[in-house]
Amino acid sequence: MTTLHVPSLTTMVLADATTGGACPPLLDLEVRRLASGERERLCEAYRGKVLLIVNTASKCGFTPQYEGLERLYRTYRDRGLVVLGFPSNDFLHQEPGEETEIAQFCRLTYDVDFPVFEKVSVKKGHAHPLFQRLAEAGGAYPKWNFYKYLVDRRGRLIEHFSSVTTPESRRLVQAVERALDAPLEDAR
């Protein structure tokens, strides 16, 4: 059995201070695109972008949020917003399909164009390193599908939203707009 080493938040902050922020520690990960062998290093692929990271599921009461997430992405992508989806089967097995099925569902049912990545676990104790880091950065682990994390242009978690907060909610949209309007040198 291979043990995955995930640095603590303290270690990541110290690393950030010593590297001059070349790669935000929160995003210093390589992930695989859904149903693909293509891998992306998050800090390189999305440097300088505002990210909305979401754990998704195809058979959940919140699944229609895909439509709102796609609308949010299309509305703000030219200003620097990227929605990143991570399917998860952690809650009542609401993402049981294979990755090819999930990709087809996203594309055909909701015309999803935002990046969707490999199926991961998000629950505490078994979470993918990205979701572990988001929780350690002050977010909390997802309590259900469609939990949302807003990350600023410098790769820092600035806010998180429960599953019941829709992509169209005033609170979420205003947080996205504030993050997009913040200058990179003092993005908060």
Protein backbone atom coordinates (compact mmCIF):
# COMPACT_ATOMS: atom_id res chain seq x y z
CA MET A 1 0.00 0.00 0.00
CA THR A 2 1.36 3.40 -1.01
CA THR A 3 1.11 6.24 1.48
CA LEU A 4 0.36 9.65 0.04
CA HIS A 5 2.20 12.48 1.78
CA VAL A 6 0.18 15.67 1.91
CA PRO A 7 1.96 18.62 3.50
CA SER A 8 0.21 20.49 6.28
CA LEU A 9 -1.11 23.97 5.71
CA THR A 10 1.76 25.35 7.85
CA THR A 11 4.28 23.58 5.64
CA MET A 12 2.55 24.94 2.54
CA VAL A 13 2.57 28.52 3.84
CA LEU A 14 6.28 28.28 4.72
CA ALA A 15 7.01 26.80 1.30
CA ASP A 16 5.13 29.69 -0.32
CA ALA A 17 7.20 32.22 1.62
CA THR A 18 10.47 30.58 0.59
CA THR A 19 9.60 30.07 -3.09
CA GLY A 20 8.33 33.58 -3.61
CA GLY A 21 4.89 32.25 -4.46
CA ALA A 22 6.01 30.63 -7.72
CA CYS A 23 3.35 27.97 -7.25
CA PRO A 24 0.59 28.52 -4.70
CA PRO A 25 0.82 25.56 -2.31
CA LEU A 26 -2.94 25.04 -2.36
CA LEU A 27 -2.75 24.41 -6.11
CA ASP A 28 0.60 22.65 -6.27
CA LEU A 29 -0.99 19.46 -7.56
CA GLU A 30 -1.27 17.52 -10.75
CA VAL A 31 -4.76 16.24 -11.61
CA ARG A 32 -6.12 14.19 -14.47
CA ARG A 33 -8.86 15.43 -16.79
CA LEU A 34 -12.06 13.41 -16.61
CA ALA A 35 -12.06 10.27 -18.78
CA SER A 36 -8.63 11.18 -20.15
CA GLY A 37 -4.97 10.51 -19.64
CA GLU A 38 -4.30 14.26 -19.88
CA ARG A 39 -2.83 15.66 -16.66
CA GLU A 40 -2.64 19.29 -15.59
CA ARG A 41 -0.64 20.97 -12.88
CA LEU A 42 -3.25 23.26 -11.36
CA CYS A 43 -0.89 26.09 -10.43
CA GLU A 44 0.45 26.30 -13.98
CA ALA A 45 -2.80 25.77 -15.86
CA TYR A 46 -4.77 28.31 -13.82
CA ARG A 47 -2.13 30.82 -12.69
CA GLY A 48 -3.69 34.24 -12.18
CA LYS A 49 -7.25 32.92 -12.46
CA VAL A 50 -10.07 33.05 -9.93
CA LEU A 51 -11.21 29.47 -9.34
CA LEU A 52 -14.52 28.07 -8.18
CA ILE A 53 -13.78 24.45 -7.21
CA VAL A 54 -16.82 22.19 -6.85
CA ASN A 55 -17.37 18.54 -5.95
CA THR A 56 -20.10 17.31 -8.28
CA ALA A 57 -22.42 14.33 -8.73
CA SER A 58 -24.77 13.27 -11.54
CA LYS A 59 -27.56 11.75 -9.46
CA CYS A 60 -28.11 14.33 -6.74
CA GLY A 61 -30.87 16.79 -5.99
CA PHE A 62 -28.27 19.53 -6.55
CA THR A 63 -27.20 18.19 -9.98
CA PRO A 64 -29.12 20.95 -11.83
CA GLN A 65 -26.48 23.31 -10.40
CA TYR A 66 -24.33 22.19 -13.34
CA GLU A 67 -26.43 24.56 -15.44
CA GLY A 68 -25.78 27.51 -13.11
CA LEU A 69 -22.07 26.67 -12.83
CA GLU A 70 -21.77 26.62 -16.63
CA ARG A 71 -23.65 29.93 -16.90
CA LEU A 72 -21.38 31.49 -14.25
CA TYR A 73 -18.31 30.18 -16.11
CA ARG A 74 -19.48 31.53 -19.47
CA THR A 75 -20.43 34.89 -17.96
CA TYR A 76 -17.10 35.50 -16.18
CA ARG A 77 -14.46 33.41 -17.95
CA ASP A 78 -13.27 36.33 -20.07
CA ARG A 79 -12.61 38.21 -16.81
CA GLY A 80 -10.59 35.29 -15.40
CA LEU A 81 -13.01 32.90 -13.67
CA VAL A 82 -12.58 29.16 -14.13
CA VAL A 83 -14.96 26.62 -12.62
CA LEU A 84 -13.25 23.31 -11.83
CA GLY A 85 -15.48 20.27 -11.31
CA PHE A 86 -14.45 17.15 -9.41
CA PRO A 87 -17.02 14.33 -9.49
CA SER A 88 -17.31 12.41 -6.23
CA ASN A 89 -19.26 9.33 -5.20
CA ASP A 90 -18.90 9.99 -1.46
CA PHE A 91 -22.49 10.93 -0.64
CA LEU A 92 -25.11 8.18 -1.04
CA HIS A 93 -23.29 6.88 -4.13
CA GLN A 94 -24.70 9.68 -6.27
CA GLU A 95 -21.84 9.50 -8.80
CA PRO A 96 -21.71 5.75 -9.49
CA GLY A 97 -20.78 5.87 -13.17
CA GLU A 98 -17.47 5.39 -14.88
CA GLU A 99 -15.64 8.54 -15.91
CA THR A 100 -16.68 8.20 -19.57
CA GLU A 101 -20.33 8.08 -18.46
CA ILE A 102 -19.87 11.12 -16.23
CA ALA A 103 -18.21 13.08 -19.06
CA GLN A 104 -21.00 12.18 -21.46
CA PHE A 105 -23.67 13.12 -18.90
CA CYS A 106 -22.06 16.53 -18.25
CA ARG A 107 -21.68 17.29 -21.94
CA LEU A 108 -25.06 16.03 -23.18
CA THR A 109 -27.30 16.98 -20.26
CA TYR A 110 -25.83 20.32 -19.18
CA ASP A 111 -23.51 21.31 -22.06
CA VAL A 112 -20.65 21.61 -19.56
CA ASP A 113 -17.63 23.33 -21.03
CA PHE A 114 -15.78 24.17 -17.80
CA PRO A 115 -12.92 21.80 -16.89
CA VAL A 116 -13.97 18.59 -15.13
CA PHE A 117 -11.39 16.33 -13.56
CA GLU A 118 -10.98 12.81 -12.27
CA LYS A 119 -13.49 11.27 -9.89
CA VAL A 120 -12.18 11.82 -6.35
CA SER A 121 -13.05 11.36 -2.71
CA VAL A 122 -13.73 14.54 -0.73
CA LYS A 123 -14.57 13.23 2.76
CA LYS A 124 -12.26 13.84 5.69
CA GLY A 125 -9.79 11.00 6.15
CA HIS A 126 -10.03 9.94 2.50
CA ALA A 127 -10.04 13.27 0.69
CA HIS A 128 -8.08 13.97 -2.45
CA PRO A 129 -5.14 16.27 -1.57
CA LEU A 130 -6.87 19.28 -3.15
CA PHE A 131 -9.94 18.92 -0.93
CA GLN A 132 -7.78 18.22 2.09
CA ARG A 133 -5.84 21.42 1.44
CA LEU A 134 -9.03 23.42 0.89
CA ALA A 135 -10.39 22.17 4.23
CA GLU A 136 -7.10 22.93 6.02
CA ALA A 137 -7.05 26.41 4.49
CA GLY A 138 -10.25 27.16 6.36
CA GLY A 139 -12.93 25.78 4.14
CA ALA A 140 -14.17 22.60 5.82
CA TYR A 141 -14.70 19.32 4.08
CA PRO A 142 -17.75 19.05 1.83
CA LYS A 143 -20.81 17.88 3.70
CA TRP A 144 -22.59 17.00 0.46
CA ASN A 145 -22.28 17.30 -3.33
CA PHE A 146 -21.85 20.71 -4.96
CA TYR A 147 -19.86 22.27 -2.11
CA LYS A 148 -18.02 25.27 -3.57
CA TYR A 149 -14.63 26.83 -2.82
CA LEU A 150 -13.60 30.23 -4.18
CA VAL A 151 -9.86 30.67 -4.69
CA ASP A 152 -8.30 34.03 -5.55
CA ARG A 153 -5.82 34.82 -8.34
CA ARG A 154 -2.91 34.13 -5.96
CA GLY A 155 -4.14 30.63 -5.18
CA ARG A 156 -5.60 31.34 -1.74
CA LEU A 157 -8.96 30.17 -0.47
CA ILE A 158 -11.12 33.22 0.16
CA GLU A 159 -14.57 31.75 0.74
CA HIS A 160 -16.55 28.52 0.67
CA PHE A 161 -20.21 27.85 0.07
CA SER A 162 -22.49 25.00 1.09
CA SER A 163 -24.36 22.87 -1.39
CA VAL A 164 -27.56 24.86 -0.90
CA THR A 165 -25.85 28.03 -2.15
CA THR A 166 -26.65 28.07 -5.85
CA PRO A 167 -24.27 29.40 -8.51
CA GLU A 168 -26.80 32.19 -9.15
CA SER A 169 -27.02 33.26 -5.52
CA ARG A 170 -26.27 36.90 -4.86
CA ARG A 171 -23.72 36.02 -2.18
CA LEU A 172 -21.71 33.75 -4.47
CA VAL A 173 -21.89 36.05 -7.52
CA GLN A 174 -20.79 39.06 -5.46
CA ALA A 175 -17.86 37.07 -4.01
CA VAL A 176 -16.80 36.04 -7.53
CA GLU A 177 -17.03 39.63 -8.77
CA ARG A 178 -14.99 40.93 -5.80
CA ALA A 179 -12.31 38.30 -6.46
CA LEU A 180 -12.22 39.17 -10.16
CA ASP A 181 -11.97 42.90 -9.43
CA ALA A 182 -9.20 42.55 -6.82
CA PRO A 183 -5.73 43.54 -8.05
CA LEU A 184 -3.42 40.52 -8.29
CA GLU A 185 -0.82 42.00 -5.93
CA ASP A 186 -3.32 42.29 -3.09
CA ALA A 187 -6.01 39.77 -4.06
CA ARG A 188 -7.90 38.83 -0.90
